[in-house]
Amino acid sequence: MSRLPSAFIFLILLLMVSCDVEQSVSAALGEVPDTVSENFRQVTVSSTGRMEIEAGRVENYGKKDVTVFLEAGIREFNSAGEKTLEGSADRIEFTGNRDGIAEGGISIHDVSGDSRLEAEYLNWDDKERLLTGEGKVRIESGDGITITGEGFVADIARETYRFTDGVEGTLELKDEG
């Protein structure tokens, strides 16, 4: 009789040890995903261009209306096929109301505007059209300006951004000689 509980405990321990980081998303949300996609790729084509989304793993949680993209990347092309935007993050989470967060290794390169944003955490409020960052956010522009700061707030509707908790930066002037 004592073999059954011992075997059961061993099985539970084995399952706990075998759980990897990807499964921690499920645990953090307190729910088992409705669908899981591995090596996900989606291409959306419209009259204005094409958008490609890739992720190592995508989990959809129906009850919470949340979709999580792990090891995610995005590329956007205009109607002429020229790349206009490229970005990546370790983890991106979207809700049904189109709000979202991105975490870890965030990099967004606006090819058409020749600028780059790097951060570890960003939050998107779709209703207010605000992108906010926690921790350091770095912005580089093609004209030689680099700004790093905390308390990042970008008002997408007004096309402005600011840092509320300190900023530092550099300006590189190119010799036109």
C-alpha atoms as a PDB file:
ATOM      1  CA  MET A   1       0.000   0.000   0.000  1.00  0.00           C
ATOM      2  CA  SER A   2       2.828   2.429   0.718  1.00  0.00           C
ATOM      3  CA  ARG A   3       4.092   2.155  -2.885  1.00  0.00           C
ATOM      4  CA  LEU A   4       1.071   3.967  -4.361  1.00  0.00           C
ATOM      5  CA  PRO A   5       1.496   7.202  -2.341  1.00  0.00           C
ATOM      6  CA  SER A   6       5.267   7.150  -2.910  1.00  0.00           C
ATOM      7  CA  ALA A   7       4.791   6.697  -6.655  1.00  0.00           C
ATOM      8  CA  PHE A   8       2.158   9.443  -6.687  1.00  0.00           C
ATOM      9  CA  ILE A   9       4.452  11.879  -4.833  1.00  0.00           C
ATOM     10  CA  PHE A  10       7.320  11.013  -7.194  1.00  0.00           C
ATOM     11  CA  LEU A  11       5.067  11.656 -10.224  1.00  0.00           C
ATOM     12  CA  ILE A  12       3.984  15.046  -8.841  1.00  0.00           C
ATOM     13  CA  LEU A  13       7.614  16.020  -8.155  1.00  0.00           C
ATOM     14  CA  LEU A  14       8.615  14.919 -11.652  1.00  0.00           C
ATOM     15  CA  LEU A  15       5.852  17.041 -13.185  1.00  0.00           C
ATOM     16  CA  MET A  16       6.870  20.055 -11.086  1.00  0.00           C
ATOM     17  CA  VAL A  17      10.514  19.738 -12.100  1.00  0.00           C
ATOM     18  CA  SER A  18       9.605  19.357 -15.771  1.00  0.00           C
ATOM     19  CA  CYS A  19       7.604  22.604 -15.839  1.00  0.00           C
ATOM     20  CA  ASP A  20       9.462  25.209 -17.867  1.00  0.00           C
ATOM     21  CA  VAL A  21       9.364  28.993 -18.055  1.00  0.00           C
ATOM     22  CA  GLU A  22       6.679  29.033 -20.752  1.00  0.00           C
ATOM     23  CA  GLN A  23       4.260  27.278 -18.416  1.00  0.00           C
ATOM     24  CA  SER A  24       4.813  29.973 -15.793  1.00  0.00           C
ATOM     25  CA  VAL A  25       2.671  32.298 -17.940  1.00  0.00           C
ATOM     26  CA  SER A  26      -0.273  29.960 -17.352  1.00  0.00           C
ATOM     27  CA  ALA A  27       0.430  29.897 -13.629  1.00  0.00           C
ATOM     28  CA  ALA A  28       0.781  33.680 -13.449  1.00  0.00           C
ATOM     29  CA  LEU A  29      -2.598  34.188 -15.106  1.00  0.00           C
ATOM     30  CA  GLY A  30      -4.141  31.464 -12.949  1.00  0.00           C
ATOM     31  CA  GLU A  31      -5.665  29.777 -15.948  1.00  0.00           C
ATOM     32  CA  VAL A  32      -4.860  27.105 -18.487  1.00  0.00           C
ATOM     33  CA  PRO A  33      -4.728  28.546 -22.017  1.00  0.00           C
ATOM     34  CA  ASP A  34      -7.566  27.677 -24.397  1.00  0.00           C
ATOM     35  CA  THR A  35      -5.138  27.478 -27.299  1.00  0.00           C
ATOM     36  CA  VAL A  36      -1.362  27.313 -27.619  1.00  0.00           C
ATOM     37  CA  SER A  37       0.497  27.874 -30.873  1.00  0.00           C
ATOM     38  CA  GLU A  38       4.181  27.122 -31.337  1.00  0.00           C
ATOM     39  CA  ASN A  39       6.308  28.847 -33.999  1.00  0.00           C
ATOM     40  CA  PHE A  40       3.451  31.228 -34.776  1.00  0.00           C
ATOM     41  CA  ARG A  41       3.482  33.400 -37.910  1.00  0.00           C
ATOM     42  CA  GLN A  42       0.702  35.642 -39.198  1.00  0.00           C
ATOM     43  CA  VAL A  43       0.782  37.854 -42.286  1.00  0.00           C
ATOM     44  CA  THR A  44      -1.924  40.472 -42.773  1.00  0.00           C
ATOM     45  CA  VAL A  45      -2.154  42.194 -46.152  1.00  0.00           C
ATOM     46  CA  SER A  46      -4.158  45.340 -46.878  1.00  0.00           C
ATOM     47  CA  SER A  47      -4.185  48.138 -49.428  1.00  0.00           C
ATOM     48  CA  THR A  48      -1.750  50.118 -47.233  1.00  0.00           C
ATOM     49  CA  GLY A  49       0.811  47.317 -46.973  1.00  0.00           C
ATOM     50  CA  ARG A  50       1.623  44.163 -45.055  1.00  0.00           C
ATOM     51  CA  MET A  51       2.214  43.268 -41.407  1.00  0.00           C
ATOM     52  CA  GLU A  52       4.057  40.138 -40.255  1.00  0.00           C
ATOM     53  CA  ILE A  53       3.850  38.892 -36.676  1.00  0.00           C
ATOM     54  CA  GLU A  54       5.988  36.012 -35.419  1.00  0.00           C
ATOM     55  CA  ALA A  55       6.251  34.399 -31.983  1.00  0.00           C
ATOM     56  CA  GLY A  56       7.918  31.350 -30.518  1.00  0.00           C
ATOM     57  CA  ARG A  57       4.723  30.659 -28.603  1.00  0.00           C
ATOM     58  CA  VAL A  58       1.247  32.204 -28.408  1.00  0.00           C
ATOM     59  CA  GLU A  59      -1.211  31.441 -25.606  1.00  0.00           C
ATOM     60  CA  ASN A  60      -4.860  32.514 -25.662  1.00  0.00           C
ATOM     61  CA  TYR A  61      -6.873  32.767 -22.424  1.00  0.00           C
ATOM     62  CA  GLY A  62     -10.563  33.038 -23.294  1.00  0.00           C
ATOM     63  CA  LYS A  63     -11.993  33.648 -19.816  1.00  0.00           C
ATOM     64  CA  LYS A  64      -9.654  36.579 -19.208  1.00  0.00           C
ATOM     65  CA  ASP A  65      -9.734  37.678 -22.865  1.00  0.00           C
ATOM     66  CA  VAL A  66      -5.915  37.785 -22.985  1.00  0.00           C
ATOM     67  CA  THR A  67      -3.440  36.688 -25.664  1.00  0.00           C
ATOM     68  CA  VAL A  68       0.236  36.283 -24.750  1.00  0.00           C
ATOM     69  CA  PHE A  69       3.035  36.293 -27.358  1.00  0.00           C
ATOM     70  CA  LEU A  70       6.436  34.960 -26.238  1.00  0.00           C
ATOM     71  CA  GLU A  71       9.633  35.734 -28.171  1.00  0.00           C
ATOM     72  CA  ALA A  72       7.621  38.033 -30.427  1.00  0.00           C
ATOM     73  CA  GLY A  73       8.589  40.035 -33.486  1.00  0.00           C
ATOM     74  CA  ILE A  74       6.722  42.309 -35.863  1.00  0.00           C
ATOM     75  CA  ARG A  75       7.545  43.795 -39.256  1.00  0.00           C
ATOM     76  CA  GLU A  76       5.474  46.287 -41.196  1.00  0.00           C
ATOM     77  CA  PHE A  77       5.811  47.083 -44.903  1.00  0.00           C
ATOM     78  CA  ASN A  78       4.190  49.826 -46.970  1.00  0.00           C
ATOM     79  CA  SER A  79       2.280  49.188 -50.213  1.00  0.00           C
ATOM     80  CA  ALA A  80       5.562  49.399 -52.193  1.00  0.00           C
ATOM     81  CA  GLY A  81       7.001  46.535 -50.089  1.00  0.00           C
ATOM     82  CA  GLU A  82       9.453  48.751 -48.175  1.00  0.00           C
ATOM     83  CA  LYS A  83       9.936  47.958 -44.479  1.00  0.00           C
ATOM     84  CA  THR A  84       8.576  50.794 -42.337  1.00  0.00           C
ATOM     85  CA  LEU A  85       8.677  49.286 -38.830  1.00  0.00           C
ATOM     86  CA  GLU A  86      10.388  46.429 -37.032  1.00  0.00           C
ATOM     87  CA  GLY A  87      10.062  45.437 -33.396  1.00  0.00           C
ATOM     88  CA  SER A  88      10.554  42.648 -30.885  1.00  0.00           C
ATOM     89  CA  ALA A  89       9.994  41.773 -27.221  1.00  0.00           C
ATOM     90  CA  ASP A  90      10.400  38.763 -24.983  1.00  0.00           C
ATOM     91  CA  ARG A  91       6.734  38.885 -23.960  1.00  0.00           C
ATOM     92  CA  ILE A  92       3.706  40.812 -25.250  1.00  0.00           C
ATOM     93  CA  GLU A  93       0.236  40.547 -23.713  1.00  0.00           C
ATOM     94  CA  PHE A  94      -2.929  41.948 -25.321  1.00  0.00           C
ATOM     95  CA  THR A  95      -6.426  42.118 -23.879  1.00  0.00           C
ATOM     96  CA  GLY A  96      -9.711  42.119 -25.774  1.00  0.00           C
ATOM     97  CA  ASN A  97     -10.090  45.868 -25.289  1.00  0.00           C
ATOM     98  CA  ARG A  98      -6.791  46.300 -27.213  1.00  0.00           C
ATOM     99  CA  ASP A  99      -4.729  47.329 -24.175  1.00  0.00           C
ATOM    100  CA  GLY A 100      -1.379  45.635 -23.828  1.00  0.00           C
ATOM    101  CA  ILE A 101       1.992  45.309 -22.163  1.00  0.00           C
ATOM    102  CA  ALA A 102       5.412  44.349 -23.472  1.00  0.00           C
ATOM    103  CA  GLU A 103       8.234  43.070 -21.299  1.00  0.00           C
ATOM    104  CA  GLY A 104      11.895  42.242 -21.738  1.00  0.00           C
ATOM    105  CA  GLY A 105      14.258  43.217 -24.526  1.00  0.00           C
ATOM    106  CA  ILE A 106      11.825  45.587 -26.223  1.00  0.00           C
ATOM    107  CA  SER A 107      13.165  47.115 -29.418  1.00  0.00           C
ATOM    108  CA  ILE A 108      11.118  49.150 -31.903  1.00  0.00           C
ATOM    109  CA  HIS A 109      12.780  50.518 -35.031  1.00  0.00           C
ATOM    110  CA  ASP A 110      10.755  53.025 -37.056  1.00  0.00           C
ATOM    111  CA  VAL A 111      12.577  52.623 -40.363  1.00  0.00           C
ATOM    112  CA  SER A 112      10.618  55.338 -42.165  1.00  0.00           C
ATOM    113  CA  GLY A 113      11.192  57.859 -39.326  1.00  0.00           C
ATOM    114  CA  ASP A 114      14.767  56.667 -38.698  1.00  0.00           C
ATOM    115  CA  SER A 115      14.284  56.280 -34.951  1.00  0.00           C
ATOM    116  CA  ARG A 116      14.610  53.490 -32.392  1.00  0.00           C
ATOM    117  CA  LEU A 117      13.075  52.866 -28.967  1.00  0.00           C
ATOM    118  CA  GLU A 118      14.450  50.359 -26.436  1.00  0.00           C
ATOM    119  CA  ALA A 119      12.872  49.455 -23.092  1.00  0.00           C
ATOM    120  CA  GLU A 120      12.283  46.657 -20.616  1.00  0.00           C
ATOM    121  CA  TYR A 121       8.598  47.388 -19.922  1.00  0.00           C
ATOM    122  CA  LEU A 122       5.925  49.274 -21.879  1.00  0.00           C
ATOM    123  CA  ASN A 123       2.193  49.611 -21.268  1.00  0.00           C
ATOM    124  CA  TRP A 124      -0.346  50.516 -23.978  1.00  0.00           C
ATOM    125  CA  ASP A 125      -3.707  52.134 -23.074  1.00  0.00           C
ATOM    126  CA  ASP A 126      -5.723  51.967 -26.284  1.00  0.00           C
ATOM    127  CA  LYS A 127      -8.614  54.168 -25.141  1.00  0.00           C
ATOM    128  CA  GLU A 128      -6.305  57.012 -24.084  1.00  0.00           C
ATOM    129  CA  ARG A 129      -3.821  56.256 -26.903  1.00  0.00           C
ATOM    130  CA  LEU A 130      -0.951  56.405 -24.370  1.00  0.00           C
ATOM    131  CA  LEU A 131       2.242  54.354 -24.319  1.00  0.00           C
ATOM    132  CA  THR A 132       4.018  54.433 -20.945  1.00  0.00           C
ATOM    133  CA  GLY A 133       7.273  52.890 -19.829  1.00  0.00           C
ATOM    134  CA  GLU A 134       8.591  51.709 -16.491  1.00  0.00           C
ATOM    135  CA  GLY A 135      12.311  51.778 -15.880  1.00  0.00           C
ATOM    136  CA  LYS A 136      14.741  53.197 -18.396  1.00  0.00           C
ATOM    137  CA  VAL A 137      13.545  53.921 -21.928  1.00  0.00           C
ATOM    138  CA  ARG A 138      16.036  54.867 -24.626  1.00  0.00           C
ATOM    139  CA  ILE A 139      15.169  56.733 -27.819  1.00  0.00           C
ATOM    140  CA  GLU A 140      17.602  57.259 -30.689  1.00  0.00           C
ATOM    141  CA  SER A 141      16.834  59.389 -33.702  1.00  0.00           C
ATOM    142  CA  GLY A 142      18.616  59.409 -37.010  1.00  0.00           C
ATOM    143  CA  ASP A 143      19.632  63.038 -36.562  1.00  0.00           C
ATOM    144  CA  GLY A 144      22.109  62.146 -33.785  1.00  0.00           C
ATOM    145  CA  ILE A 145      19.934  62.633 -30.696  1.00  0.00           C
ATOM    146  CA  THR A 146      19.879  59.911 -28.020  1.00  0.00           C
ATOM    147  CA  ILE A 147      17.690  60.294 -24.937  1.00  0.00           C
ATOM    148  CA  THR A 148      17.471  57.903 -21.990  1.00  0.00           C
ATOM    149  CA  GLY A 149      15.065  58.502 -19.146  1.00  0.00           C
ATOM    150  CA  GLU A 150      12.463  57.182 -16.764  1.00  0.00           C
ATOM    151  CA  GLY A 151       8.765  57.889 -16.520  1.00  0.00           C
ATOM    152  CA  PHE A 152       8.261  57.648 -20.287  1.00  0.00           C
ATOM    153  CA  VAL A 153       4.853  58.788 -21.592  1.00  0.00           C
ATOM    154  CA  ALA A 154       4.012  58.946 -25.312  1.00  0.00           C
ATOM    155  CA  ASP A 155       0.738  60.518 -26.418  1.00  0.00           C
ATOM    156  CA  ILE A 156       0.223  58.826 -29.780  1.00  0.00           C
ATOM    157  CA  ALA A 157      -2.785  60.986 -30.724  1.00  0.00           C
ATOM    158  CA  ARG A 158      -0.732  64.181 -30.308  1.00  0.00           C
ATOM    159  CA  GLU A 159       2.518  62.603 -31.535  1.00  0.00           C
ATOM    160  CA  THR A 160       4.446  63.773 -28.461  1.00  0.00           C
ATOM    161  CA  TYR A 161       6.474  62.064 -25.754  1.00  0.00           C
ATOM    162  CA  ARG A 162       8.036  63.086 -22.468  1.00  0.00           C
ATOM    163  CA  PHE A 163       9.969  61.730 -19.504  1.00  0.00           C
ATOM    164  CA  THR A 164       8.616  62.528 -16.038  1.00  0.00           C
ATOM    165  CA  ASP A 165      11.399  61.126 -13.814  1.00  0.00           C
ATOM    166  CA  GLY A 166      14.661  62.428 -15.221  1.00  0.00           C
ATOM    167  CA  VAL A 167      16.436  62.246 -18.523  1.00  0.00           C
ATOM    168  CA  GLU A 168      19.937  62.266 -19.973  1.00  0.00           C
ATOM    169  CA  GLY A 169      21.040  62.446 -23.547  1.00  0.00           C
ATOM    170  CA  THR A 170      23.557  63.203 -26.226  1.00  0.00           C
ATOM    171  CA  LEU A 171      23.565  65.159 -29.427  1.00  0.00           C
ATOM    172  CA  GLU A 172      26.054  64.164 -32.109  1.00  0.00           C
ATOM    173  CA  LEU A 173      26.673  66.783 -34.736  1.00  0.00           C
ATOM    174  CA  LYS A 174      27.840  65.483 -38.065  1.00  0.00           C
ATOM    175  CA  ASP A 175      30.551  67.440 -39.815  1.00  0.00           C
ATOM    176  CA  GLU A 176      29.221  68.485 -43.208  1.00  0.00           C
ATOM    177  CA  GLY A 177      32.600  69.258 -44.687  1.00  0.00           C
END
